[in-house]
Amino acid sequence: MGLPGHVPQGPFTPRRLWRGGTPSCAGNDLVAHDRVDFSHASDLPPPMQQVPMPAISHERIDAIAPNRPLRIHIGSEFIYQLPVPTPMIVMLNVHESRAADLEVPDRISTDPVVPIETYRDGFGNICCRFVAPRGRFVLRTDGIIRDAGCSDPVALDARQNPVEDLPTEALAFLLPSRYCESDTLSNEAWRLFGGSAPGWARVQLICDFVHTHVDFGYKFSRPTRTAAETYAEGRGVCRDFTHLGVAFCRALNIPARYCMGYISDIGLPPPYEPMDLAAWMEVYLGDRWHTFDPRNNAARVGRILIARGRDAADVPLTYTFGPNQLTGFKVFTDELTA
């Protein structure tokens, strides 16, 4: 699936690179939702009655917030091998909502150097477009951002709004989308969470459920997996955790949007996993958006937004309009001591 109104040249479907470094063909065919089998999942009791299943991938570790100003070195590198000149659109720059915090702007550079055009999409995300030449092509971002050094904020008294009282800009995030079929999951969402207290507690219950119900593993990555399939299969990567959390929230009339960006390991005990870009969600409660993270389901320090949208279809790392091979990928978020 390309950009709206865009017809790719040649026989190649545009390819999206999601977080996790897995390139994929993204065709225009939607999943046949009526074929998703919930039979084993629908036997689950509401989460208030469940005993969480212990698993390494479900371990919850809160970061210890330094609660002091931080300087974080952020960036990424993608190395491609391209058989022909290839148009690309990338979303790798820090979101404009954090632009004022950039001490050193995270400008995109390429090797070899190519002309780059920058624009903003309908969600306010910074996008860059260019044509990558044939052969080895390196794409980099590198910057320094200031951060308050605090954990994700918590607002236990945040209330759920009646739909008629929601701001207009939140309404689009109540609707089903490509990877978040809230209509398909509506009955399950109300069965599982309808008896819980509305507001922050209900969203946290959703995160608790997704965190324990879905097994995490890069070997489970599948670029076409939807929220309904994640629920039925019980496995996935962080985008799948987020899609399922978003879909459950929307099914319960809570606006939710998909976010992608950096999550540092500042404040966490070693050993540290290889750094990657990550997905989480923002949920509208009370009079503002709040951060929830179904994958980690724990407080984090140095969460830096790159892009947000209805689901991952709106915010892939890259659109590549032609054949390509990703031969190298790395991400870094390092606290600077001086």
C-alpha atoms as a PDB file:
ATOM      1  CA  MET A   1       0.000   0.000   0.000  1.00  0.00           C
ATOM      2  CA  GLY A   2       1.578   3.271  -1.093  1.00  0.00           C
ATOM      3  CA  LEU A   3       0.733   6.793  -0.141  1.00  0.00           C
ATOM      4  CA  PRO A   4      -2.831   7.934  -0.864  1.00  0.00           C
ATOM      5  CA  GLY A   5      -3.161   8.727  -4.538  1.00  0.00           C
ATOM      6  CA  HIS A   6       0.297   7.373  -5.375  1.00  0.00           C
ATOM      7  CA  VAL A   7       0.689   4.831  -8.165  1.00  0.00           C
ATOM      8  CA  PRO A   8       4.113   3.116  -7.953  1.00  0.00           C
ATOM      9  CA  GLN A   9       6.124   2.893 -11.149  1.00  0.00           C
ATOM     10  CA  GLY A  10       7.004  -0.583 -12.343  1.00  0.00           C
ATOM     11  CA  PRO A  11       5.982  -3.969 -10.958  1.00  0.00           C
ATOM     12  CA  PHE A  12       7.175  -3.389  -7.391  1.00  0.00           C
ATOM     13  CA  THR A  13       4.854  -2.716  -4.500  1.00  0.00           C
ATOM     14  CA  PRO A  14       6.221  -0.055  -2.097  1.00  0.00           C
ATOM     15  CA  ARG A  15       8.017  -1.651   0.820  1.00  0.00           C
ATOM     16  CA  ARG A  16       7.720  -0.453   4.391  1.00  0.00           C
ATOM     17  CA  LEU A  17      10.330  -0.934   7.037  1.00  0.00           C
ATOM     18  CA  TRP A  18       8.757  -1.237  10.457  1.00  0.00           C
ATOM     19  CA  ARG A  19      10.562  -0.876  13.760  1.00  0.00           C
ATOM     20  CA  GLY A  20      12.579  -4.006  14.423  1.00  0.00           C
ATOM     21  CA  GLY A  21      14.423  -3.894  11.116  1.00  0.00           C
ATOM     22  CA  THR A  22      12.082  -6.153   9.145  1.00  0.00           C
ATOM     23  CA  PRO A  23      11.371  -4.986   5.588  1.00  0.00           C
ATOM     24  CA  SER A  24       8.100  -6.128   4.105  1.00  0.00           C
ATOM     25  CA  CYS A  25       5.941  -5.986   1.033  1.00  0.00           C
ATOM     26  CA  ALA A  26       2.775  -4.115   1.905  1.00  0.00           C
ATOM     27  CA  GLY A  27       0.048  -4.858  -0.616  1.00  0.00           C
ATOM     28  CA  ASN A  28      -3.409  -3.357  -0.838  1.00  0.00           C
ATOM     29  CA  ASP A  29      -5.228  -6.473   0.307  1.00  0.00           C
ATOM     30  CA  LEU A  30      -6.781  -6.220   3.763  1.00  0.00           C
ATOM     31  CA  VAL A  31      -6.953  -9.163   6.104  1.00  0.00           C
ATOM     32  CA  ALA A  32     -10.178 -11.142   5.907  1.00  0.00           C
ATOM     33  CA  HIS A  33     -11.229 -10.374   9.464  1.00  0.00           C
ATOM     34  CA  ASP A  34     -14.047 -12.874   9.523  1.00  0.00           C
ATOM     35  CA  ARG A  35     -11.445 -15.634   9.196  1.00  0.00           C
ATOM     36  CA  VAL A  36      -9.625 -14.780  12.421  1.00  0.00           C
ATOM     37  CA  ASP A  37     -10.206 -17.570  14.905  1.00  0.00           C
ATOM     38  CA  PHE A  38     -10.802 -16.317  18.463  1.00  0.00           C
ATOM     39  CA  SER A  39     -11.993 -19.677  19.740  1.00  0.00           C
ATOM     40  CA  HIS A  40      -9.120 -20.315  22.135  1.00  0.00           C
ATOM     41  CA  ALA A  41      -8.718 -16.678  23.148  1.00  0.00           C
ATOM     42  CA  SER A  42     -12.411 -16.180  23.866  1.00  0.00           C
ATOM     43  CA  ASP A  43     -12.249 -18.856  26.556  1.00  0.00           C
ATOM     44  CA  LEU A  44     -10.157 -16.485  28.642  1.00  0.00           C
ATOM     45  CA  PRO A  45     -11.913 -15.072  31.709  1.00  0.00           C
ATOM     46  CA  PRO A  46     -11.976 -11.304  32.191  1.00  0.00           C
ATOM     47  CA  PRO A  47      -8.497 -10.175  33.338  1.00  0.00           C
ATOM     48  CA  MET A  48      -9.732  -9.284  36.840  1.00  0.00           C
ATOM     49  CA  GLN A  49     -10.071 -13.067  37.370  1.00  0.00           C
ATOM     50  CA  GLN A  50      -6.783 -14.120  35.781  1.00  0.00           C
ATOM     51  CA  VAL A  51      -3.499 -15.077  37.384  1.00  0.00           C
ATOM     52  CA  PRO A  52      -0.717 -13.637  35.146  1.00  0.00           C
ATOM     53  CA  MET A  53       1.446 -16.320  33.561  1.00  0.00           C
ATOM     54  CA  PRO A  54       5.136 -15.877  34.421  1.00  0.00           C
ATOM     55  CA  ALA A  55       7.483 -15.574  31.461  1.00  0.00           C
ATOM     56  CA  ILE A  56      10.753 -13.806  30.795  1.00  0.00           C
ATOM     57  CA  SER A  57       9.166 -11.771  28.010  1.00  0.00           C
ATOM     58  CA  HIS A  58       6.480 -10.592  30.446  1.00  0.00           C
ATOM     59  CA  GLU A  59       8.872  -9.357  33.121  1.00  0.00           C
ATOM     60  CA  ARG A  60       8.019  -5.836  34.239  1.00  0.00           C
ATOM     61  CA  ILE A  61      10.928  -3.602  35.241  1.00  0.00           C
ATOM     62  CA  ASP A  62      10.385   0.060  36.055  1.00  0.00           C
ATOM     63  CA  ALA A  63      13.200   2.416  35.145  1.00  0.00           C
ATOM     64  CA  ILE A  64      14.592   4.376  38.080  1.00  0.00           C
ATOM     65  CA  ALA A  65      14.172   7.983  37.035  1.00  0.00           C
ATOM     66  CA  PRO A  66      17.154  10.242  37.748  1.00  0.00           C
ATOM     67  CA  ASN A  67      14.741  13.217  37.953  1.00  0.00           C
ATOM     68  CA  ARG A  68      17.397  15.587  36.661  1.00  0.00           C
ATOM     69  CA  PRO A  69      18.025  17.128  33.240  1.00  0.00           C
ATOM     70  CA  LEU A  70      19.567  14.702  30.750  1.00  0.00           C
ATOM     71  CA  ARG A  71      21.382  15.036  27.446  1.00  0.00           C
ATOM     72  CA  ILE A  72      20.778  12.022  25.219  1.00  0.00           C
ATOM     73  CA  HIS A  73      22.678  11.199  22.039  1.00  0.00           C
ATOM     74  CA  ILE A  74      20.153   9.722  19.607  1.00  0.00           C
ATOM     75  CA  GLY A  75      20.378   8.365  16.111  1.00  0.00           C
ATOM     76  CA  SER A  76      20.074   5.512  13.666  1.00  0.00           C
ATOM     77  CA  GLU A  77      21.734   4.002  10.635  1.00  0.00           C
ATOM     78  CA  PHE A  78      20.262   1.995   7.754  1.00  0.00           C
ATOM     79  CA  ILE A  79      22.416   0.376   5.076  1.00  0.00           C
ATOM     80  CA  TYR A  80      20.712  -0.680   1.850  1.00  0.00           C
ATOM     81  CA  GLN A  81      21.779  -2.447  -1.294  1.00  0.00           C
ATOM     82  CA  LEU A  82      19.713  -1.173  -4.233  1.00  0.00           C
ATOM     83  CA  PRO A  83      19.714  -2.674  -7.756  1.00  0.00           C
ATOM     84  CA  VAL A  84      18.183   0.454  -9.329  1.00  0.00           C
ATOM     85  CA  PRO A  85      17.639   4.107  -8.320  1.00  0.00           C
ATOM     86  CA  THR A  86      14.837   3.962  -5.767  1.00  0.00           C
ATOM     87  CA  PRO A  87      12.466   6.662  -4.434  1.00  0.00           C
ATOM     88  CA  MET A  88      12.162   6.614  -0.641  1.00  0.00           C
ATOM     89  CA  ILE A  89      10.119   8.384   2.032  1.00  0.00           C
ATOM     90  CA  VAL A  90      11.409   8.153   5.605  1.00  0.00           C
ATOM     91  CA  MET A  91      10.122   9.134   9.057  1.00  0.00           C
ATOM     92  CA  LEU A  92      13.197   9.242  11.267  1.00  0.00           C
ATOM     93  CA  ASN A  93      13.319  12.766  12.711  1.00  0.00           C
ATOM     94  CA  VAL A  94      12.157  13.621  16.218  1.00  0.00           C
ATOM     95  CA  HIS A  95       8.532  14.788  16.230  1.00  0.00           C
ATOM     96  CA  GLU A  96       7.938  18.536  16.098  1.00  0.00           C
ATOM     97  CA  SER A  97       6.461  18.403  19.614  1.00  0.00           C
ATOM     98  CA  ARG A  98       9.999  17.689  20.891  1.00  0.00           C
ATOM     99  CA  ALA A  99      11.874  19.862  18.393  1.00  0.00           C
ATOM    100  CA  ALA A 100      12.518  22.595  20.984  1.00  0.00           C
ATOM    101  CA  ASP A 101      14.408  20.028  23.093  1.00  0.00           C
ATOM    102  CA  LEU A 102      16.955  19.288  20.374  1.00  0.00           C
ATOM    103  CA  GLU A 103      20.351  20.671  21.321  1.00  0.00           C
ATOM    104  CA  VAL A 104      21.802  19.295  18.098  1.00  0.00           C
ATOM    105  CA  PRO A 105      19.174  18.728  15.372  1.00  0.00           C
ATOM    106  CA  ASP A 106      18.868  15.104  14.242  1.00  0.00           C
ATOM    107  CA  ARG A 107      19.334  15.886  10.581  1.00  0.00           C
ATOM    108  CA  ILE A 108      19.231  13.088   8.036  1.00  0.00           C
ATOM    109  CA  SER A 109      22.416  12.430   6.080  1.00  0.00           C
ATOM    110  CA  THR A 110      23.071   9.988   3.269  1.00  0.00           C
ATOM    111  CA  ASP A 111      26.072   8.363   1.623  1.00  0.00           C
ATOM    112  CA  PRO A 112      26.263   9.060  -1.210  1.00  0.00           C
ATOM    113  CA  VAL A 113      24.743  12.508  -0.733  1.00  0.00           C
ATOM    114  CA  VAL A 114      21.362  13.077  -2.404  1.00  0.00           C
ATOM    115  CA  PRO A 115      18.934  16.040  -2.442  1.00  0.00           C
ATOM    116  CA  ILE A 116      16.352  15.686   0.354  1.00  0.00           C
ATOM    117  CA  GLU A 117      12.923  17.333   0.505  1.00  0.00           C
ATOM    118  CA  THR A 118      11.249  17.672   3.919  1.00  0.00           C
ATOM    119  CA  TYR A 119       7.505  17.981   4.535  1.00  0.00           C
ATOM    120  CA  ARG A 120       4.901  17.239   7.238  1.00  0.00           C
ATOM    121  CA  ASP A 121       2.148  14.694   6.811  1.00  0.00           C
ATOM    122  CA  GLY A 122      -1.441  15.008   8.028  1.00  0.00           C
ATOM    123  CA  PHE A 123      -0.475  13.924  11.558  1.00  0.00           C
ATOM    124  CA  GLY A 124       2.302  16.491  11.924  1.00  0.00           C
ATOM    125  CA  ASN A 125       5.083  13.933  11.422  1.00  0.00           C
ATOM    126  CA  ILE A 126       8.290  15.072   9.739  1.00  0.00           C
ATOM    127  CA  CYS A 127       8.850  13.174   6.492  1.00  0.00           C
ATOM    128  CA  CYS A 128      11.794  13.253   4.090  1.00  0.00           C
ATOM    129  CA  ARG A 129      11.718  12.159   0.470  1.00  0.00           C
ATOM    130  CA  PHE A 130      14.581  11.502  -1.936  1.00  0.00           C
ATOM    131  CA  VAL A 131      15.785   9.111  -4.617  1.00  0.00           C
ATOM    132  CA  ALA A 132      18.468   6.703  -3.454  1.00  0.00           C
ATOM    133  CA  PRO A 133      21.007   5.765  -6.149  1.00  0.00           C
ATOM    134  CA  ARG A 134      21.847   2.277  -7.298  1.00  0.00           C
ATOM    135  CA  GLY A 135      24.319   0.327  -5.159  1.00  0.00           C
ATOM    136  CA  ARG A 136      25.222   0.670  -1.479  1.00  0.00           C
ATOM    137  CA  PHE A 137      23.240   3.426   0.206  1.00  0.00           C
ATOM    138  CA  VAL A 138      23.576   4.567   3.821  1.00  0.00           C
ATOM    139  CA  LEU A 139      20.906   6.576   5.655  1.00  0.00           C
ATOM    140  CA  ARG A 140      21.748   8.133   9.030  1.00  0.00           C
ATOM    141  CA  THR A 141      20.306  10.380  11.724  1.00  0.00           C
ATOM    142  CA  ASP A 142      22.373  11.826  14.563  1.00  0.00           C
ATOM    143  CA  GLY A 143      21.421  14.394  17.200  1.00  0.00           C
ATOM    144  CA  ILE A 144      21.400  15.376  20.860  1.00  0.00           C
ATOM    145  CA  ILE A 145      18.179  15.981  22.775  1.00  0.00           C
ATOM    146  CA  ARG A 146      17.541  17.381  26.242  1.00  0.00           C
ATOM    147  CA  ASP A 147      15.163  15.459  28.496  1.00  0.00           C
ATOM    148  CA  ALA A 148      13.700  16.149  31.933  1.00  0.00           C
ATOM    149  CA  GLY A 149      14.896  12.764  33.176  1.00  0.00           C
ATOM    150  CA  CYS A 150      11.489  11.823  34.581  1.00  0.00           C
ATOM    151  CA  SER A 151       9.472   8.635  34.222  1.00  0.00           C
ATOM    152  CA  ASP A 152       6.356   8.451  32.078  1.00  0.00           C
ATOM    153  CA  PRO A 153       3.750  10.528  33.949  1.00  0.00           C
ATOM    154  CA  VAL A 154       0.873   8.768  35.701  1.00  0.00           C
ATOM    155  CA  ALA A 155      -2.605  10.260  36.238  1.00  0.00           C
ATOM    156  CA  LEU A 156      -4.647   7.708  38.162  1.00  0.00           C
ATOM    157  CA  ASP A 157      -7.642  10.031  38.378  1.00  0.00           C
ATOM    158  CA  ALA A 158      -7.817  10.665  34.606  1.00  0.00           C
ATOM    159  CA  ARG A 159     -11.381   9.992  33.514  1.00  0.00           C
ATOM    160  CA  GLN A 160     -12.893   8.576  30.349  1.00  0.00           C
ATOM    161  CA  ASN A 161     -14.909  11.128  28.406  1.00  0.00           C
ATOM    162  CA  PRO A 162     -18.329  10.539  26.885  1.00  0.00           C
ATOM    163  CA  VAL A 163     -17.939  10.447  23.111  1.00  0.00           C
ATOM    164  CA  GLU A 164     -20.091  13.560  22.711  1.00  0.00           C
ATOM    165  CA  ASP A 165     -17.647  15.514  24.897  1.00  0.00           C
ATOM    166  CA  LEU A 166     -14.468  14.528  23.055  1.00  0.00           C
ATOM    167  CA  PRO A 167     -12.546  17.182  21.088  1.00  0.00           C
ATOM    168  CA  THR A 168     -13.001  16.892  17.352  1.00  0.00           C
ATOM    169  CA  GLU A 169      -9.328  16.047  16.755  1.00  0.00           C
ATOM    170  CA  ALA A 170      -9.661  12.920  18.930  1.00  0.00           C
ATOM    171  CA  LEU A 171     -12.588  11.405  17.040  1.00  0.00           C
ATOM    172  CA  ALA A 172     -10.504   9.894  14.227  1.00  0.00           C
ATOM    173  CA  PHE A 173      -8.720   7.789  16.846  1.00  0.00           C
ATOM    174  CA  LEU A 174     -11.970   6.062  17.810  1.00  0.00           C
ATOM    175  CA  LEU A 175     -12.332   4.443  14.383  1.00  0.00           C
ATOM    176  CA  PRO A 176     -11.061   1.091  13.111  1.00  0.00           C
ATOM    177  CA  SER A 177      -7.910   1.265  11.001  1.00  0.00           C
ATOM    178  CA  ARG A 178      -5.751  -1.008   8.846  1.00  0.00           C
ATOM    179  CA  TYR A 179      -4.070  -2.844  11.741  1.00  0.00           C
ATOM    180  CA  CYS A 180      -6.446  -1.972  14.597  1.00  0.00           C
ATOM    181  CA  GLU A 181      -9.811  -3.612  13.842  1.00  0.00           C
ATOM    182  CA  SER A 182     -11.678  -2.313  16.870  1.00  0.00           C
ATOM    183  CA  ASP A 183     -14.965  -3.319  15.225  1.00  0.00           C
ATOM    184  CA  THR A 184     -13.855  -6.950  14.954  1.00  0.00           C
ATOM    185  CA  LEU A 185     -12.637  -6.941  18.567  1.00  0.00           C
ATOM    186  CA  SER A 186     -15.562  -4.998  20.028  1.00  0.00           C
ATOM    187  CA  ASN A 187     -17.398  -7.931  21.601  1.00  0.00           C
ATOM    188  CA  GLU A 188     -14.200  -9.316  23.104  1.00  0.00           C
ATOM    189  CA  ALA A 189     -13.184  -5.905  24.440  1.00  0.00           C
ATOM    190  CA  TRP A 190     -16.496  -5.424  26.242  1.00  0.00           C
ATOM    191  CA  ARG A 191     -16.459  -9.004  27.507  1.00  0.00           C
ATOM    192  CA  LEU A 192     -12.968  -8.640  28.931  1.00  0.00           C
ATOM    193  CA  PHE A 193     -12.988  -5.045  30.169  1.00  0.00           C
ATOM    194  CA  GLY A 194     -16.589  -3.846  30.205  1.00  0.00           C
ATOM    195  CA  GLY A 195     -16.927  -4.565  33.925  1.00  0.00           C
ATOM    196  CA  SER A 196     -13.885  -2.476  34.883  1.00  0.00           C
ATOM    197  CA  ALA A 197     -13.934   1.103  36.135  1.00  0.00           C
ATOM    198  CA  PRO A 198     -13.721   3.544  33.200  1.00  0.00           C
ATOM    199  CA  GLY A 199     -10.762   5.876  32.990  1.00  0.00           C
ATOM    200  CA  TRP A 200      -7.084   5.298  33.764  1.00  0.00           C
ATOM    201  CA  ALA A 201      -7.781   2.006  35.563  1.00  0.00           C
ATOM    202  CA  ARG A 202      -9.488   0.519  32.504  1.00  0.00           C
ATOM    203  CA  VAL A 203      -6.648   1.444  30.154  1.00  0.00           C
ATOM    204  CA  GLN A 204      -4.090   0.073  32.594  1.00  0.00           C
ATOM    205  CA  LEU A 205      -6.095  -3.149  32.783  1.00  0.00           C
ATOM    206  CA  ILE A 206      -5.938  -3.390  28.994  1.00  0.00           C
ATOM    207  CA  CYS A 207      -2.155  -2.946  29.119  1.00  0.00           C
ATOM    208  CA  ASP A 208      -1.840  -5.562  31.868  1.00  0.00           C
ATOM    209  CA  PHE A 209      -3.863  -8.013  29.804  1.00  0.00           C
ATOM    210  CA  VAL A 210      -1.992  -7.419  26.523  1.00  0.00           C
ATOM    211  CA  HIS A 211       1.355  -7.587  28.307  1.00  0.00           C
ATOM    212  CA  THR A 212       0.610 -11.035  29.735  1.00  0.00           C
ATOM    213  CA  HIS A 213      -1.501 -12.433  26.891  1.00  0.00           C
ATOM    214  CA  VAL A 214       1.035 -11.779  24.101  1.00  0.00           C
ATOM    215  CA  ASP A 215       4.452 -13.414  24.017  1.00  0.00           C
ATOM    216  CA  PHE A 216       7.199 -11.122  22.702  1.00  0.00           C
ATOM    217  CA  GLY A 217       9.845 -12.300  20.247  1.00  0.00           C
ATOM    218  CA  TYR A 218      11.490 -10.958  17.087  1.00  0.00           C
ATOM    219  CA  LYS A 219      11.042 -14.436  15.613  1.00  0.00           C
ATOM    220  CA  PHE A 220       7.282 -13.754  15.800  1.00  0.00           C
ATOM    221  CA  SER A 221       7.523 -10.647  13.599  1.00  0.00           C
ATOM    222  CA  ARG A 222       5.089 -10.611  10.682  1.00  0.00           C
ATOM    223  CA  PRO A 223       4.489  -7.286   8.919  1.00  0.00           C
ATOM    224  CA  THR A 224       0.860  -8.002   8.023  1.00  0.00           C
ATOM    225  CA  ARG A 225      -0.271  -9.105  11.498  1.00  0.00           C
ATOM    226  CA  THR A 226      -3.288  -7.161  12.760  1.00  0.00           C
ATOM    227  CA  ALA A 227      -4.570  -6.578  16.285  1.00  0.00           C
ATOM    228  CA  ALA A 228      -7.201  -9.290  15.892  1.00  0.00           C
ATOM    229  CA  GLU A 229      -4.564 -11.767  14.736  1.00  0.00           C
ATOM    230  CA  THR A 230      -2.285 -10.798  17.617  1.00  0.00           C
ATOM    231  CA  TYR A 231      -5.126 -11.500  20.041  1.00  0.00           C
ATOM    232  CA  ALA A 232      -5.874 -14.855  18.407  1.00  0.00           C
ATOM    233  CA  GLU A 233      -2.226 -15.955  18.110  1.00  0.00           C
ATOM    234  CA  GLY A 234      -0.938 -14.550  21.408  1.00  0.00           C
ATOM    235  CA  ARG A 235       2.463 -13.523  20.079  1.00  0.00           C
ATOM    236  CA  GLY A 236       4.194 -10.659  18.311  1.00  0.00           C
ATOM    237  CA  VAL A 237       6.599  -7.731  18.551  1.00  0.00           C
ATOM    238  CA  CYS A 238       6.041  -4.332  20.135  1.00  0.00           C
ATOM    239  CA  ARG A 239       3.976  -2.985  17.225  1.00  0.00           C
ATOM    240  CA  ASP A 240       1.582  -5.912  17.714  1.00  0.00           C
ATOM    241  CA  PHE A 241       1.267  -5.246  21.449  1.00  0.00           C
ATOM    242  CA  THR A 242       0.496  -1.614  20.657  1.00  0.00           C
ATOM    243  CA  HIS A 243      -2.008  -2.422  17.906  1.00  0.00           C
ATOM    244  CA  LEU A 244      -3.935  -4.710  20.243  1.00  0.00           C
ATOM    245  CA  GLY A 245      -3.960  -2.136  23.042  1.00  0.00           C
ATOM    246  CA  VAL A 246      -5.110   0.576  20.641  1.00  0.00           C
ATOM    247  CA  ALA A 247      -7.862  -1.612  19.186  1.00  0.00           C
ATOM    248  CA  PHE A 248      -9.221  -2.580  22.612  1.00  0.00           C
ATOM    249  CA  CYS A 249      -9.274   1.075  23.711  1.00  0.00           C
ATOM    250  CA  ARG A 250     -11.117   2.213  20.588  1.00  0.00           C
ATOM    251  CA  ALA A 251     -13.623  -0.628  20.950  1.00  0.00           C
ATOM    252  CA  LEU A 252     -14.389   0.783  24.412  1.00  0.00           C
ATOM    253  CA  ASN A 253     -14.855   4.341  23.049  1.00  0.00           C
ATOM    254  CA  ILE A 254     -11.447   5.551  24.269  1.00  0.00           C
ATOM    255  CA  PRO A 255      -9.429   7.466  21.642  1.00  0.00           C
ATOM    256  CA  ALA A 256      -6.025   5.852  21.134  1.00  0.00           C
ATOM    257  CA  ARG A 257      -3.218   6.527  18.690  1.00  0.00           C
ATOM    258  CA  TYR A 258      -0.094   4.598  17.671  1.00  0.00           C
ATOM    259  CA  CYS A 259       3.331   6.089  18.452  1.00  0.00           C
ATOM    260  CA  MET A 260       6.846   5.215  17.311  1.00  0.00           C
ATOM    261  CA  GLY A 261      10.171   6.471  18.576  1.00  0.00           C
ATOM    262  CA  TYR A 262      13.140   5.965  20.874  1.00  0.00           C
ATOM    263  CA  ILE A 263      12.917   4.361  24.321  1.00  0.00           C
ATOM    264  CA  SER A 264      16.193   4.538  26.231  1.00  0.00           C
ATOM    265  CA  ASP A 265      17.504   2.055  28.806  1.00  0.00           C
ATOM    266  CA  ILE A 266      18.388   4.882  31.209  1.00  0.00           C
ATOM    267  CA  GLY A 267      17.552   3.854  34.755  1.00  0.00           C
ATOM    268  CA  LEU A 268      17.287   0.155  33.911  1.00  0.00           C
ATOM    269  CA  PRO A 269      19.593  -2.527  35.338  1.00  0.00           C
ATOM    270  CA  PRO A 270      21.913  -4.459  33.008  1.00  0.00           C
ATOM    271  CA  PRO A 271      22.118  -6.526  30.910  1.00  0.00           C
ATOM    272  CA  TYR A 272      20.856  -4.266  28.148  1.00  0.00           C
ATOM    273  CA  GLU A 273      19.160  -5.532  25.014  1.00  0.00           C
ATOM    274  CA  PRO A 274      20.281  -4.201  21.611  1.00  0.00           C
ATOM    275  CA  MET A 275      18.717  -0.796  21.079  1.00  0.00           C
ATOM    276  CA  ASP A 276      15.814  -0.527  18.672  1.00  0.00           C
ATOM    277  CA  LEU A 277      13.022   1.839  17.773  1.00  0.00           C
ATOM    278  CA  ALA A 278       9.843   1.012  19.641  1.00  0.00           C
ATOM    279  CA  ALA A 279       6.060   1.387  19.555  1.00  0.00           C
ATOM    280  CA  TRP A 280       3.669   2.549  22.287  1.00  0.00           C
ATOM    281  CA  MET A 281       0.281   4.253  22.420  1.00  0.00           C
ATOM    282  CA  GLU A 282      -1.215   7.539  23.556  1.00  0.00           C
ATOM    283  CA  VAL A 283      -4.732   7.483  25.002  1.00  0.00           C
ATOM    284  CA  TYR A 284      -7.044  10.470  25.435  1.00  0.00           C
ATOM    285  CA  LEU A 285      -8.378  10.714  28.994  1.00  0.00           C
ATOM    286  CA  GLY A 286      -9.568  13.832  30.781  1.00  0.00           C
ATOM    287  CA  ASP A 287      -8.282  16.799  28.800  1.00  0.00           C
ATOM    288  CA  ARG A 288      -5.086  15.400  27.278  1.00  0.00           C
ATOM    289  CA  TRP A 289      -3.212  12.462  25.781  1.00  0.00           C
ATOM    290  CA  HIS A 290      -1.434  10.020  28.101  1.00  0.00           C
ATOM    291  CA  THR A 291       1.360   7.539  27.373  1.00  0.00           C
ATOM    292  CA  PHE A 292       0.775   3.798  27.834  1.00  0.00           C
ATOM    293  CA  ASP A 293       3.159   1.020  26.808  1.00  0.00           C
ATOM    294  CA  PRO A 294       1.533  -2.436  26.512  1.00  0.00           C
ATOM    295  CA  ARG A 295       4.835  -4.064  25.502  1.00  0.00           C
ATOM    296  CA  ASN A 296       6.943  -2.979  28.507  1.00  0.00           C
ATOM    297  CA  ASN A 297       3.987  -2.112  30.764  1.00  0.00           C
ATOM    298  CA  ALA A 298       6.417  -0.241  32.998  1.00  0.00           C
ATOM    299  CA  ALA A 299       7.790   3.246  33.547  1.00  0.00           C
ATOM    300  CA  ARG A 300      10.533   4.376  31.169  1.00  0.00           C
ATOM    301  CA  VAL A 301      12.885   7.359  31.048  1.00  0.00           C
ATOM    302  CA  GLY A 302      13.902   9.062  27.799  1.00  0.00           C
ATOM    303  CA  ARG A 303      10.872   8.208  25.672  1.00  0.00           C
ATOM    304  CA  ILE A 304      11.316  10.320  22.531  1.00  0.00           C
ATOM    305  CA  LEU A 305       8.525  10.507  19.953  1.00  0.00           C
ATOM    306  CA  ILE A 306       9.316  10.324  16.247  1.00  0.00           C
ATOM    307  CA  ALA A 307       5.870   9.854  14.707  1.00  0.00           C
ATOM    308  CA  ARG A 308       2.262   9.071  15.555  1.00  0.00           C
ATOM    309  CA  GLY A 309      -0.815   8.018  13.599  1.00  0.00           C
ATOM    310  CA  ARG A 310      -3.756   5.637  13.496  1.00  0.00           C
ATOM    311  CA  ASP A 311      -1.500   2.560  13.368  1.00  0.00           C
ATOM    312  CA  ALA A 312       1.813   1.402  11.917  1.00  0.00           C
ATOM    313  CA  ALA A 313       0.548   1.910   8.365  1.00  0.00           C
ATOM    314  CA  ASP A 314       0.763   5.662   9.016  1.00  0.00           C
ATOM    315  CA  VAL A 315       4.219   5.643  10.606  1.00  0.00           C
ATOM    316  CA  PRO A 316       6.648   3.108   9.102  1.00  0.00           C
ATOM    317  CA  LEU A 317      10.311   4.033   9.355  1.00  0.00           C
ATOM    318  CA  THR A 318      10.685   3.996   5.579  1.00  0.00           C
ATOM    319  CA  TYR A 319       8.672   3.611   2.410  1.00  0.00           C
ATOM    320  CA  THR A 320      10.876   2.161  -0.331  1.00  0.00           C
ATOM    321  CA  PHE A 321       9.406   2.281  -3.829  1.00  0.00           C
ATOM    322  CA  GLY A 322      11.431  -0.488  -5.438  1.00  0.00           C
ATOM    323  CA  PRO A 323      13.431  -3.643  -4.734  1.00  0.00           C
ATOM    324  CA  ASN A 324      15.945  -3.339  -1.915  1.00  0.00           C
ATOM    325  CA  GLN A 325      17.940  -5.292   0.620  1.00  0.00           C
ATOM    326  CA  LEU A 326      18.537  -3.967   4.135  1.00  0.00           C
ATOM    327  CA  THR A 327      22.073  -5.114   5.030  1.00  0.00           C
ATOM    328  CA  GLY A 328      22.646  -3.090   8.193  1.00  0.00           C
ATOM    329  CA  PHE A 329      20.558  -1.466  10.915  1.00  0.00           C
ATOM    330  CA  LYS A 330      21.357   0.119  14.271  1.00  0.00           C
ATOM    331  CA  VAL A 331      19.826   2.550  16.757  1.00  0.00           C
ATOM    332  CA  PHE A 332      21.413   4.347  19.701  1.00  0.00           C
ATOM    333  CA  THR A 333      20.165   6.395  22.667  1.00  0.00           C
ATOM    334  CA  ASP A 334      23.124   7.118  24.934  1.00  0.00           C
ATOM    335  CA  GLU A 335      23.142   9.401  27.955  1.00  0.00           C
ATOM    336  CA  LEU A 336      25.919  11.986  27.730  1.00  0.00           C
ATOM    337  CA  THR A 337      27.810  12.665  30.944  1.00  0.00           C
ATOM    338  CA  ALA A 338      28.883  16.208  30.146  1.00  0.00           C
END
